[in-house]
C-alpha atoms as a PDB file:
ATOM      1  CA  MET A   1       0.000   0.000   0.000  1.00  0.00           C
ATOM      2  CA  LYS A   2       2.847   2.392   0.790  1.00  0.00           C
ATOM      3  CA  HIS A   3       4.095   2.079  -2.788  1.00  0.00           C
ATOM      4  CA  ARG A   4       0.692   3.085  -4.156  1.00  0.00           C
ATOM      5  CA  VAL A   5       0.264   5.936  -1.663  1.00  0.00           C
ATOM      6  CA  LEU A   6       3.577   7.513  -2.648  1.00  0.00           C
ATOM      7  CA  PHE A   7       2.806   7.118  -6.336  1.00  0.00           C
ATOM      8  CA  ILE A   8      -0.657   8.652  -5.995  1.00  0.00           C
ATOM      9  CA  ILE A   9       0.697  11.588  -4.003  1.00  0.00           C
ATOM     10  CA  PHE A  10       3.295  12.123  -6.742  1.00  0.00           C
ATOM     11  CA  LEU A  11       0.602  12.089  -9.409  1.00  0.00           C
ATOM     12  CA  ALA A  12      -1.698  14.372  -7.457  1.00  0.00           C
ATOM     13  CA  PHE A  13       0.819  17.194  -7.566  1.00  0.00           C
ATOM     14  CA  THR A  14       2.272  16.647 -11.025  1.00  0.00           C
ATOM     15  CA  PHE A  15       0.229  14.879 -13.681  1.00  0.00           C
ATOM     16  CA  SER A  16      -3.284  13.744 -14.361  1.00  0.00           C
ATOM     17  CA  PRO A  17      -3.347  10.145 -13.100  1.00  0.00           C
ATOM     18  CA  PHE A  18      -4.869   8.954 -16.380  1.00  0.00           C
ATOM     19  CA  GLN A  19      -1.935   9.896 -18.626  1.00  0.00           C
ATOM     20  CA  LEU A  20       1.043   7.794 -17.654  1.00  0.00           C
ATOM     21  CA  PHE A  21       0.909   4.021 -17.455  1.00  0.00           C
ATOM     22  CA  THR A  22      -1.302   1.023 -18.036  1.00  0.00           C
ATOM     23  CA  PHE A  23      -1.399  -1.528 -15.223  1.00  0.00           C
ATOM     24  CA  SER A  24      -3.640  -4.300 -13.982  1.00  0.00           C
ATOM     25  CA  GLN A  25      -7.247  -3.934 -12.959  1.00  0.00           C
ATOM     26  CA  GLU A  26      -8.160  -1.941  -9.866  1.00  0.00           C
ATOM     27  CA  LEU A  27     -11.003  -3.935  -8.325  1.00  0.00           C
ATOM     28  CA  ASP A  28     -11.228  -7.238  -6.524  1.00  0.00           C
ATOM     29  CA  ALA A  29     -15.008  -7.438  -6.431  1.00  0.00           C
ATOM     30  CA  ARG A  30     -17.199 -10.161  -4.988  1.00  0.00           C
ATOM     31  CA  VAL A  31     -20.780 -10.210  -6.281  1.00  0.00           C
ATOM     32  CA  THR A  32     -23.612 -12.077  -4.577  1.00  0.00           C
ATOM     33  CA  VAL A  33     -27.094 -12.226  -6.115  1.00  0.00           C
ATOM     34  CA  ASN A  34     -29.830 -13.244  -3.681  1.00  0.00           C
ATOM     35  CA  SER A  35     -32.963 -14.382  -5.541  1.00  0.00           C
ATOM     36  CA  THR A  36     -34.800 -16.107  -2.666  1.00  0.00           C
ATOM     37  CA  LYS A  37     -37.700 -13.645  -2.965  1.00  0.00           C
ATOM     38  CA  ILE A  38     -38.387 -14.860  -6.512  1.00  0.00           C
ATOM     39  CA  GLU A  39     -40.323 -18.103  -6.901  1.00  0.00           C
ATOM     40  CA  GLY A  40     -40.996 -20.270  -9.936  1.00  0.00           C
ATOM     41  CA  THR A  41     -38.134 -18.872 -12.026  1.00  0.00           C
ATOM     42  CA  ARG A  42     -35.181 -20.667 -13.553  1.00  0.00           C
ATOM     43  CA  THR A  43     -32.110 -19.963 -11.443  1.00  0.00           C
ATOM     44  CA  GLU A  44     -29.794 -19.874 -14.451  1.00  0.00           C
ATOM     45  CA  VAL A  45     -30.512 -16.209 -15.103  1.00  0.00           C
ATOM     46  CA  PHE A  46     -29.488 -15.267 -11.556  1.00  0.00           C
ATOM     47  CA  ASP A  47     -26.336 -17.391 -11.745  1.00  0.00           C
ATOM     48  CA  ALA A  48     -25.451 -15.747 -15.052  1.00  0.00           C
ATOM     49  CA  LEU A  49     -26.096 -12.292 -13.593  1.00  0.00           C
ATOM     50  CA  GLN A  50     -23.782 -12.925 -10.650  1.00  0.00           C
ATOM     51  CA  SER A  51     -21.008 -14.356 -12.803  1.00  0.00           C
ATOM     52  CA  LYS A  52     -21.154 -11.663 -15.481  1.00  0.00           C
ATOM     53  CA  LEU A  53     -21.267  -8.781 -13.029  1.00  0.00           C
ATOM     54  CA  GLU A  54     -18.230 -10.081 -11.184  1.00  0.00           C
ATOM     55  CA  ASP A  55     -16.307 -10.632 -14.412  1.00  0.00           C
ATOM     56  CA  PHE A  56     -17.251  -7.180 -15.683  1.00  0.00           C
ATOM     57  CA  LEU A  57     -16.154  -5.356 -12.544  1.00  0.00           C
ATOM     58  CA  ASN A  58     -12.880  -7.254 -12.169  1.00  0.00           C
ATOM     59  CA  ASN A  59     -11.735  -7.495 -15.791  1.00  0.00           C
ATOM     60  CA  GLN A  60     -12.388  -3.907 -16.827  1.00  0.00           C
ATOM     61  CA  LYS A  61      -9.413  -1.518 -16.654  1.00  0.00           C
ATOM     62  CA  TRP A  62     -11.036   1.565 -15.193  1.00  0.00           C
ATOM     63  CA  THR A  63      -8.027   3.892 -14.905  1.00  0.00           C
ATOM     64  CA  GLU A  64      -4.328   3.910 -15.671  1.00  0.00           C
ATOM     65  CA  ILE A  65      -3.235   4.216 -12.063  1.00  0.00           C
ATOM     66  CA  PRO A  66      -0.815   1.458 -11.038  1.00  0.00           C
ATOM     67  CA  PHE A  67      -2.303  -1.153  -8.737  1.00  0.00           C
ATOM     68  CA  ARG A  68      -0.259  -4.163  -7.744  1.00  0.00           C
ATOM     69  CA  GLU A  69      -2.132  -7.433  -7.328  1.00  0.00           C
ATOM     70  CA  ASN A  70      -2.166  -7.131  -3.535  1.00  0.00           C
ATOM     71  CA  GLU A  71      -3.297  -3.505  -3.750  1.00  0.00           C
ATOM     72  CA  LYS A  72      -6.536  -4.112  -5.602  1.00  0.00           C
ATOM     73  CA  ILE A  73      -9.537  -2.580  -3.879  1.00  0.00           C
ATOM     74  CA  GLN A  74     -11.596  -5.162  -2.041  1.00  0.00           C
ATOM     75  CA  CYS A  75     -15.317  -4.599  -2.590  1.00  0.00           C
ATOM     76  CA  ASN A  76     -18.564  -6.483  -2.165  1.00  0.00           C
ATOM     77  CA  PHE A  77     -21.760  -6.125  -4.182  1.00  0.00           C
ATOM     78  CA  ASN A  78     -24.661  -7.824  -2.412  1.00  0.00           C
ATOM     79  CA  ILE A  79     -27.707  -7.688  -4.676  1.00  0.00           C
ATOM     80  CA  THR A  80     -31.158  -8.735  -3.506  1.00  0.00           C
ATOM     81  CA  VAL A  81     -33.657  -9.284  -6.309  1.00  0.00           C
ATOM     82  CA  ASN A  82     -37.004  -7.897  -5.154  1.00  0.00           C
ATOM     83  CA  THR A  83     -38.883  -8.223  -8.445  1.00  0.00           C
ATOM     84  CA  TYR A  84     -38.059 -10.064 -11.661  1.00  0.00           C
ATOM     85  CA  LYS A  85     -40.197  -9.892 -14.802  1.00  0.00           C
ATOM     86  CA  PRO A  86     -38.913 -12.536 -17.234  1.00  0.00           C
ATOM     87  CA  ASP A  87     -41.180 -11.360 -20.062  1.00  0.00           C
ATOM     88  CA  GLU A  88     -39.550  -7.905 -19.832  1.00  0.00           C
ATOM     89  CA  ASN A  89     -36.100  -9.054 -18.605  1.00  0.00           C
ATOM     90  CA  THR A  90     -36.317  -6.429 -15.842  1.00  0.00           C
ATOM     91  CA  PHE A  91     -34.857  -6.642 -12.364  1.00  0.00           C
ATOM     92  CA  GLU A  92     -35.765  -4.427  -9.425  1.00  0.00           C
ATOM     93  CA  CYS A  93     -33.096  -4.914  -6.773  1.00  0.00           C
ATOM     94  CA  THR A  94     -31.514  -3.546  -3.643  1.00  0.00           C
ATOM     95  CA  LEU A  95     -27.744  -3.153  -3.632  1.00  0.00           C
ATOM     96  CA  LEU A  96     -25.623  -3.219  -0.491  1.00  0.00           C
ATOM     97  CA  MET A  97     -22.099  -2.297  -1.517  1.00  0.00           C
ATOM     98  CA  ASN A  98     -18.944  -1.702   0.481  1.00  0.00           C
ATOM     99  CA  SER A  99     -15.284  -1.282  -0.326  1.00  0.00           C
ATOM    100  CA  SER A 100     -12.297  -1.316   1.991  1.00  0.00           C
ATOM    101  CA  ARG A 101      -8.628  -0.557   2.086  1.00  0.00           C
ATOM    102  CA  PRO A 102      -5.816  -1.759   4.357  1.00  0.00           C
ATOM    103  CA  VAL A 103      -4.623   0.373   7.241  1.00  0.00           C
ATOM    104  CA  TYR A 104      -0.881   0.896   7.070  1.00  0.00           C
ATOM    105  CA  GLY A 105       1.164  -1.083   9.595  1.00  0.00           C
ATOM    106  CA  SER A 106      -1.670  -3.416  10.559  1.00  0.00           C
ATOM    107  CA  THR A 107      -3.759  -6.343   9.367  1.00  0.00           C
ATOM    108  CA  TYR A 108      -6.914  -4.253   9.698  1.00  0.00           C
ATOM    109  CA  ASN A 109      -9.037  -3.219   6.701  1.00  0.00           C
ATOM    110  CA  THR A 110     -11.181  -0.108   7.000  1.00  0.00           C
ATOM    111  CA  VAL A 111     -14.349   0.587   5.026  1.00  0.00           C
ATOM    112  CA  ALA A 112     -13.626   3.362   2.540  1.00  0.00           C
ATOM    113  CA  TYR A 113     -17.085   3.563   0.963  1.00  0.00           C
ATOM    114  CA  ALA A 114     -20.475   1.934   1.416  1.00  0.00           C
ATOM    115  CA  VAL A 115     -23.988   2.499   0.104  1.00  0.00           C
ATOM    116  CA  ASN A 116     -27.480   1.052   0.284  1.00  0.00           C
ATOM    117  CA  ASP A 117     -29.082   1.582  -3.118  1.00  0.00           C
ATOM    118  CA  GLY A 118     -32.764   0.645  -3.157  1.00  0.00           C
ATOM    119  CA  ASN A 119     -33.174   1.638  -6.820  1.00  0.00           C
ATOM    120  CA  PHE A 120     -30.786  -0.840  -8.412  1.00  0.00           C
ATOM    121  CA  THR A 121     -33.046  -1.484 -11.424  1.00  0.00           C
ATOM    122  CA  PHE A 122     -32.009  -2.748 -14.850  1.00  0.00           C
ATOM    123  CA  GLU A 123     -32.657  -5.071 -17.788  1.00  0.00           C
ATOM    124  CA  PHE A 124     -30.635  -8.257 -18.273  1.00  0.00           C
ATOM    125  CA  THR A 125     -30.732 -11.625 -20.035  1.00  0.00           C
ATOM    126  CA  GLU A 126     -28.356 -14.477 -19.319  1.00  0.00           C
ATOM    127  CA  PHE A 127     -26.854 -14.138 -22.796  1.00  0.00           C
ATOM    128  CA  ASP A 128     -26.041 -10.423 -22.533  1.00  0.00           C
ATOM    129  CA  GLN A 129     -22.452  -9.346 -23.105  1.00  0.00           C
ATOM    130  CA  LEU A 130     -21.516  -6.454 -20.850  1.00  0.00           C
ATOM    131  CA  GLN A 131     -19.114  -3.967 -22.390  1.00  0.00           C
ATOM    132  CA  TYR A 132     -18.172  -0.518 -21.159  1.00  0.00           C
ATOM    133  CA  GLN A 133     -17.247   2.294 -23.530  1.00  0.00           C
ATOM    134  CA  ASP A 134     -16.590   5.876 -22.507  1.00  0.00           C
ATOM    135  CA  ASN A 135     -19.254   8.327 -23.631  1.00  0.00           C
ATOM    136  CA  GLN A 136     -21.403   5.546 -25.134  1.00  0.00           C
ATOM    137  CA  ILE A 137     -23.476   4.334 -22.203  1.00  0.00           C
ATOM    138  CA  ASP A 138     -26.991   3.315 -23.208  1.00  0.00           C
ATOM    139  CA  ASN A 139     -27.484   0.365 -20.839  1.00  0.00           C
ATOM    140  CA  ASN A 140     -28.551   1.071 -17.259  1.00  0.00           C
ATOM    141  CA  LEU A 141     -26.850  -1.998 -15.794  1.00  0.00           C
ATOM    142  CA  ILE A 142     -23.529  -0.951 -17.301  1.00  0.00           C
ATOM    143  CA  ALA A 143     -24.116   2.616 -16.086  1.00  0.00           C
ATOM    144  CA  LEU A 144     -24.768   1.364 -12.548  1.00  0.00           C
ATOM    145  CA  LEU A 145     -21.664  -0.816 -12.448  1.00  0.00           C
ATOM    146  CA  ALA A 146     -19.409   1.836 -13.997  1.00  0.00           C
ATOM    147  CA  TYR A 147     -20.727   4.506 -11.646  1.00  0.00           C
ATOM    148  CA  TYR A 148     -19.980   2.416  -8.574  1.00  0.00           C
ATOM    149  CA  ALA A 149     -16.609   1.318  -9.928  1.00  0.00           C
ATOM    150  CA  TYR A 150     -15.495   4.929 -10.297  1.00  0.00           C
ATOM    151  CA  MET A 151     -16.983   5.894  -6.943  1.00  0.00           C
ATOM    152  CA  ILE A 152     -15.142   3.037  -5.228  1.00  0.00           C
ATOM    153  CA  ILE A 153     -11.828   3.943  -6.847  1.00  0.00           C
ATOM    154  CA  GLY A 154     -12.342   7.667  -6.298  1.00  0.00           C
ATOM    155  CA  MET A 155     -13.185   7.274  -2.618  1.00  0.00           C
ATOM    156  CA  ASP A 156     -10.180   4.992  -2.151  1.00  0.00           C
ATOM    157  CA  LEU A 157      -7.894   7.570  -3.782  1.00  0.00           C
ATOM    158  CA  ASP A 158      -9.355  10.370  -1.665  1.00  0.00           C
ATOM    159  CA  THR A 159      -8.216   8.473   1.431  1.00  0.00           C
ATOM    160  CA  MET A 160      -4.701   8.236  -0.012  1.00  0.00           C
ATOM    161  CA  ALA A 161      -4.008  11.764  -1.249  1.00  0.00           C
ATOM    162  CA  PRO A 162      -5.744  15.163  -1.026  1.00  0.00           C
ATOM    163  CA  LYS A 163      -8.569  15.079  -3.594  1.00  0.00           C
ATOM    164  CA  GLY A 164      -6.916  12.054  -5.129  1.00  0.00           C
ATOM    165  CA  GLY A 165     -10.164  10.772  -6.626  1.00  0.00           C
ATOM    166  CA  THR A 166     -11.184  13.909  -8.525  1.00  0.00           C
ATOM    167  CA  ASP A 167     -10.741  12.461 -12.029  1.00  0.00           C
ATOM    168  CA  CYS A 168     -12.776   9.384 -11.101  1.00  0.00           C
ATOM    169  CA  PHE A 169     -15.570  11.526  -9.708  1.00  0.00           C
ATOM    170  CA  HIS A 170     -15.712  13.595 -12.893  1.00  0.00           C
ATOM    171  CA  ILE A 171     -16.182  10.398 -14.890  1.00  0.00           C
ATOM    172  CA  ALA A 172     -18.894   9.327 -12.444  1.00  0.00           C
ATOM    173  CA  GLU A 173     -20.601  12.680 -13.061  1.00  0.00           C
ATOM    174  CA  ASP A 174     -20.654  11.939 -16.796  1.00  0.00           C
ATOM    175  CA  ILE A 175     -22.196   8.538 -16.063  1.00  0.00           C
ATOM    176  CA  VAL A 176     -24.895  10.190 -13.934  1.00  0.00           C
ATOM    177  CA  THR A 177     -25.736  12.449 -16.873  1.00  0.00           C
ATOM    178  CA  ALA A 178     -26.079   9.420 -19.132  1.00  0.00           C
ATOM    179  CA  GLY A 179     -28.161   7.635 -16.489  1.00  0.00           C
ATOM    180  CA  GLU A 180     -30.576  10.554 -16.204  1.00  0.00           C
ATOM    181  CA  ASN A 181     -31.519  10.073 -19.858  1.00  0.00           C
ATOM    182  CA  MET A 182     -32.381   6.373 -19.555  1.00  0.00           C
ATOM    183  CA  GLY A 183     -35.508   6.644 -17.444  1.00  0.00           C
ATOM    184  CA  PHE A 184     -34.434   4.405 -14.566  1.00  0.00           C
ATOM    185  CA  PRO A 185     -34.706   5.521 -10.912  1.00  0.00           C
ATOM    186  CA  GLY A 186     -31.841   6.812  -8.785  1.00  0.00           C
ATOM    187  CA  TRP A 187     -30.180   9.180 -11.253  1.00  0.00           C
ATOM    188  CA  LYS A 188     -32.401  12.250 -11.298  1.00  0.00           C
ATOM    189  CA  ALA A 189     -31.406  15.654 -10.014  1.00  0.00           C
ATOM    190  CA  PHE A 190     -33.850  16.875  -7.375  1.00  0.00           C
ATOM    191  CA  GLY A 191     -34.751  13.296  -6.499  1.00  0.00           C
ATOM    192  CA  ASP A 192     -34.252  12.100  -2.939  1.00  0.00           C
ATOM    193  CA  SER A 193     -31.184  13.421  -1.132  1.00  0.00           C
ATOM    194  CA  GLY A 194     -29.622   9.968  -0.920  1.00  0.00           C
ATOM    195  CA  ASN A 195     -29.743   8.940  -4.579  1.00  0.00           C
ATOM    196  CA  ARG A 196     -26.709   8.541  -6.817  1.00  0.00           C
ATOM    197  CA  PHE A 197     -26.922  12.050  -8.261  1.00  0.00           C
ATOM    198  CA  ALA A 198     -27.392  13.733  -4.895  1.00  0.00           C
ATOM    199  CA  LEU A 199     -24.582  11.966  -3.034  1.00  0.00           C
ATOM    200  CA  LEU A 200     -21.996  12.584  -5.754  1.00  0.00           C
ATOM    201  CA  ASN A 201     -23.171  16.155  -6.374  1.00  0.00           C
ATOM    202  CA  ASP A 202     -22.964  16.960  -2.671  1.00  0.00           C
ATOM    203  CA  TYR A 203     -19.565  15.346  -2.267  1.00  0.00           C
ATOM    204  CA  MET A 204     -18.147  17.369  -5.180  1.00  0.00           C
ATOM    205  CA  ASP A 205     -19.803  20.646  -4.166  1.00  0.00           C
ATOM    206  CA  GLY A 206     -17.268  23.374  -3.420  1.00  0.00           C
ATOM    207  CA  SER A 207     -18.772  23.985  -0.009  1.00  0.00           C
ATOM    208  CA  MET A 208     -18.059  20.333   0.853  1.00  0.00           C
ATOM    209  CA  GLU A 209     -14.308  20.400   0.319  1.00  0.00           C
ATOM    210  CA  CYS A 210     -14.003  20.019   4.083  1.00  0.00           C
ATOM    211  CA  MET A 211     -15.498  16.526   3.679  1.00  0.00           C
ATOM    212  CA  ARG A 212     -12.852  15.524   1.182  1.00  0.00           C
ATOM    213  CA  GLU A 213     -10.123  16.970   3.398  1.00  0.00           C
ATOM    214  CA  PHE A 214     -11.568  15.043   6.327  1.00  0.00           C
ATOM    215  CA  ASN A 215     -11.541  11.797   4.333  1.00  0.00           C
ATOM    216  CA  TYR A 216      -7.815  12.207   3.680  1.00  0.00           C
ATOM    217  CA  VAL A 217      -6.809  13.364   7.176  1.00  0.00           C
ATOM    218  CA  TYR A 218      -8.885  10.698   8.931  1.00  0.00           C
ATOM    219  CA  HIS A 219      -7.311   7.857   6.954  1.00  0.00           C
ATOM    220  CA  ARG A 220      -3.738   8.895   6.100  1.00  0.00           C
ATOM    221  CA  LYS A 221      -2.890  11.086   9.095  1.00  0.00           C
ATOM    222  CA  GLY A 222      -5.097   9.215  11.508  1.00  0.00           C
ATOM    223  CA  LEU A 223      -5.694   5.507  10.927  1.00  0.00           C
ATOM    224  CA  ASP A 224      -2.466   4.910   8.997  1.00  0.00           C
ATOM    225  CA  ARG A 225      -0.433   6.275  11.921  1.00  0.00           C
ATOM    226  CA  MET A 226      -2.377   4.450  14.628  1.00  0.00           C
ATOM    227  CA  SER A 227       0.031   1.510  14.889  1.00  0.00           C
ATOM    228  CA  GLU A 228       3.059   3.797  15.294  1.00  0.00           C
ATOM    229  CA  VAL A 229       1.801   6.765  17.345  1.00  0.00           C
ATOM    230  CA  PRO A 230      -1.718   5.889  18.567  1.00  0.00           C
ATOM    231  CA  ASP A 231      -2.215   8.865  20.879  1.00  0.00           C
ATOM    232  CA  SER A 232      -1.125  11.390  18.264  1.00  0.00           C
ATOM    233  CA  ALA A 233      -3.176   9.658  15.566  1.00  0.00           C
ATOM    234  CA  ARG A 234      -6.254   9.634  17.806  1.00  0.00           C
ATOM    235  CA  ALA A 235      -5.836  13.335  18.541  1.00  0.00           C
ATOM    236  CA  THR A 236      -5.573  14.013  14.790  1.00  0.00           C
ATOM    237  CA  ILE A 237      -8.794  12.117  14.150  1.00  0.00           C
ATOM    238  CA  CYS A 238     -10.531  13.993  16.955  1.00  0.00           C
ATOM    239  CA  ASP A 239      -9.484  17.326  15.454  1.00  0.00           C
ATOM    240  CA  ALA A 240     -10.510  16.124  11.991  1.00  0.00           C
ATOM    241  CA  LEU A 241     -14.037  15.407  13.199  1.00  0.00           C
ATOM    242  CA  GLU A 242     -14.535  19.179  13.197  1.00  0.00           C
ATOM    243  CA  LEU A 243     -14.220  18.993   9.404  1.00  0.00           C
ATOM    244  CA  LEU A 244     -16.892  16.290   9.338  1.00  0.00           C
ATOM    245  CA  HIS A 245     -19.151  18.496  11.429  1.00  0.00           C
ATOM    246  CA  GLU A 246     -18.475  21.411   9.080  1.00  0.00           C
ATOM    247  CA  ALA A 247     -19.422  19.235   6.102  1.00  0.00           C
ATOM    248  CA  ASN A 248     -22.638  18.210   7.802  1.00  0.00           C
ATOM    249  CA  THR A 249     -23.707  21.837   8.203  1.00  0.00           C
ATOM    250  CA  ALA A 250     -22.259  23.199   4.950  1.00  0.00           C
ATOM    251  CA  LYS A 251     -25.109  22.098   2.714  1.00  0.00           C
ATOM    252  CA  ASN A 252     -28.738  21.800   3.723  1.00  0.00           C
ATOM    253  CA  MET A 253     -30.135  18.241   3.671  1.00  0.00           C
ATOM    254  CA  THR A 254     -26.890  16.569   2.606  1.00  0.00           C
ATOM    255  CA  LYS A 255     -26.462  12.963   3.730  1.00  0.00           C
ATOM    256  CA  VAL A 256     -22.762  12.653   2.929  1.00  0.00           C
ATOM    257  CA  ALA A 257     -21.451  13.092   6.480  1.00  0.00           C
ATOM    258  CA  GLN A 258     -24.167  10.899   7.956  1.00  0.00           C
ATOM    259  CA  LEU A 259     -23.371   8.167   5.435  1.00  0.00           C
ATOM    260  CA  PHE A 260     -19.759   8.203   6.656  1.00  0.00           C
ATOM    261  CA  THR A 261     -20.849   7.748  10.269  1.00  0.00           C
ATOM    262  CA  GLU A 262     -23.161   4.891   9.259  1.00  0.00           C
ATOM    263  CA  TYR A 263     -20.428   2.706   7.823  1.00  0.00           C
ATOM    264  CA  LYS A 264     -17.789   3.849  10.334  1.00  0.00           C
ATOM    265  CA  ARG A 265     -19.868   3.508  13.533  1.00  0.00           C
ATOM    266  CA  ASP A 266     -18.008   0.618  15.132  1.00  0.00           C
ATOM    267  CA  GLU A 267     -14.630   1.925  14.024  1.00  0.00           C
ATOM    268  CA  LEU A 268     -15.278   5.375  15.502  1.00  0.00           C
ATOM    269  CA  VAL A 269     -16.323   3.829  18.794  1.00  0.00           C
ATOM    270  CA  ASN A 270     -13.221   1.625  18.891  1.00  0.00           C
ATOM    271  CA  ILE A 271     -10.921   4.587  18.242  1.00  0.00           C
ATOM    272  CA  PHE A 272     -12.042   6.449  21.363  1.00  0.00           C
ATOM    273  CA  ALA A 273     -13.670   3.998  23.776  1.00  0.00           C
ATOM    274  CA  LYS A 274     -11.340   3.104  26.691  1.00  0.00           C
ATOM    275  CA  LYS A 275      -8.432   4.813  24.941  1.00  0.00           C
ATOM    276  CA  GLY A 276      -8.976   8.503  24.303  1.00  0.00           C
ATOM    277  CA  THR A 277      -8.774  11.348  26.769  1.00  0.00           C
ATOM    278  CA  ASN A 278     -11.982  12.619  28.344  1.00  0.00           C
ATOM    279  CA  ASP A 279     -11.786  15.752  26.211  1.00  0.00           C
ATOM    280  CA  GLU A 280     -11.433  13.680  23.027  1.00  0.00           C
ATOM    281  CA  LYS A 281     -14.310  11.438  24.026  1.00  0.00           C
ATOM    282  CA  ASP A 282     -16.578  14.410  24.779  1.00  0.00           C
ATOM    283  CA  ARG A 283     -15.732  16.206  21.531  1.00  0.00           C
ATOM    284  CA  ALA A 284     -16.180  13.060  19.433  1.00  0.00           C
ATOM    285  CA  TYR A 285     -19.497  12.267  21.096  1.00  0.00           C
ATOM    286  CA  GLU A 286     -20.895  15.782  20.621  1.00  0.00           C
ATOM    287  CA  ILE A 287     -19.992  15.913  16.931  1.00  0.00           C
ATOM    288  CA  LEU A 288     -21.225  12.441  16.084  1.00  0.00           C
ATOM    289  CA  PHE A 289     -24.454  12.941  18.029  1.00  0.00           C
ATOM    290  CA  ALA A 290     -25.053  16.209  16.150  1.00  0.00           C
ATOM    291  CA  ILE A 291     -24.598  14.388  12.827  1.00  0.00           C
ATOM    292  CA  ASP A 292     -26.793  11.395  13.661  1.00  0.00           C
ATOM    293  CA  ALA A 293     -28.753  11.579  16.893  1.00  0.00           C
ATOM    294  CA  SER A 294     -30.539   8.310  16.051  1.00  0.00           C
ATOM    295  CA  GLN A 295     -27.299   6.495  16.949  1.00  0.00           C
ATOM    296  CA  GLN A 296     -27.078   7.952  20.453  1.00  0.00           C
ATOM    297  CA  ASN A 297     -26.758   4.521  22.070  1.00  0.00           C
ATOM    298  CA  THR A 298     -23.785   3.785  19.844  1.00  0.00           C
ATOM    299  CA  TRP A 299     -22.096   7.120  20.504  1.00  0.00           C
ATOM    300  CA  GLU A 300     -22.581   6.698  24.250  1.00  0.00           C
ATOM    301  CA  LYS A 301     -20.076   3.826  24.075  1.00  0.00           C
ATOM    302  CA  ILE A 302     -17.368   6.339  23.176  1.00  0.00           C
ATOM    303  CA  LYS A 303     -17.606   7.875  26.657  1.00  0.00           C
ATOM    304  CA  LYS A 304     -17.000   4.620  28.512  1.00  0.00           C
END
């Protein structure tokens, strides 16, 4: 990981990361398709869907950033099929997706990005060939997979270098534009504040740069230093939480900061519980409670 971090930092301050080299694929994705809600349907179509999605995500070269084999981004796509119409080849699904990256100097992997997408809707037949081409997206399934691929890579890069994922997010924005024209849910501007358009638009909003700074400081200056200087790293994370709080108040109705606390709940508790100073515990609790008061019982554990 250290090799990739140094290379990404070098690129961030010199060249566009999509202009230099061609290396192996970025993702190590595991796809699970759960079709237990669907009765009386041949299972072959669900088996084919799972296999083809996994092949598509893992065999596509999404960027030209160098990833060694052991540096590929671990990610899981858990897809629950809620409705399947074989006469129309349409699937209405829920996607639970998470990606992680290793923490330097440890065997611990931290979640870098996670979403719960209840509008994962598309058309598919077991004989479909999935192919991705820039600026030629007319298939919603391909748009969904490409969008999440670039979001996963972009969020991973943002944890490695300041605004390291910017190029990936710009590509994701182009995919959102293509998705808006296909008539499937989850892409529209002015839809719900947690859809694909809203989350990316909020994250890239100029007023939310504090969120991107937080993502970098929390991971590189905080977690990645925890094995070497735990007290200093914990203090850095505590200070960085002010940036998270700023992001939560910077844009009305944004869910970006709350989403972070959702997939980092246990990790945040473990950072401070029984280890931090009383001042750190109090500050962390107050900020996290302000962001998501529904998790008060979880945040109370920080103060123990």
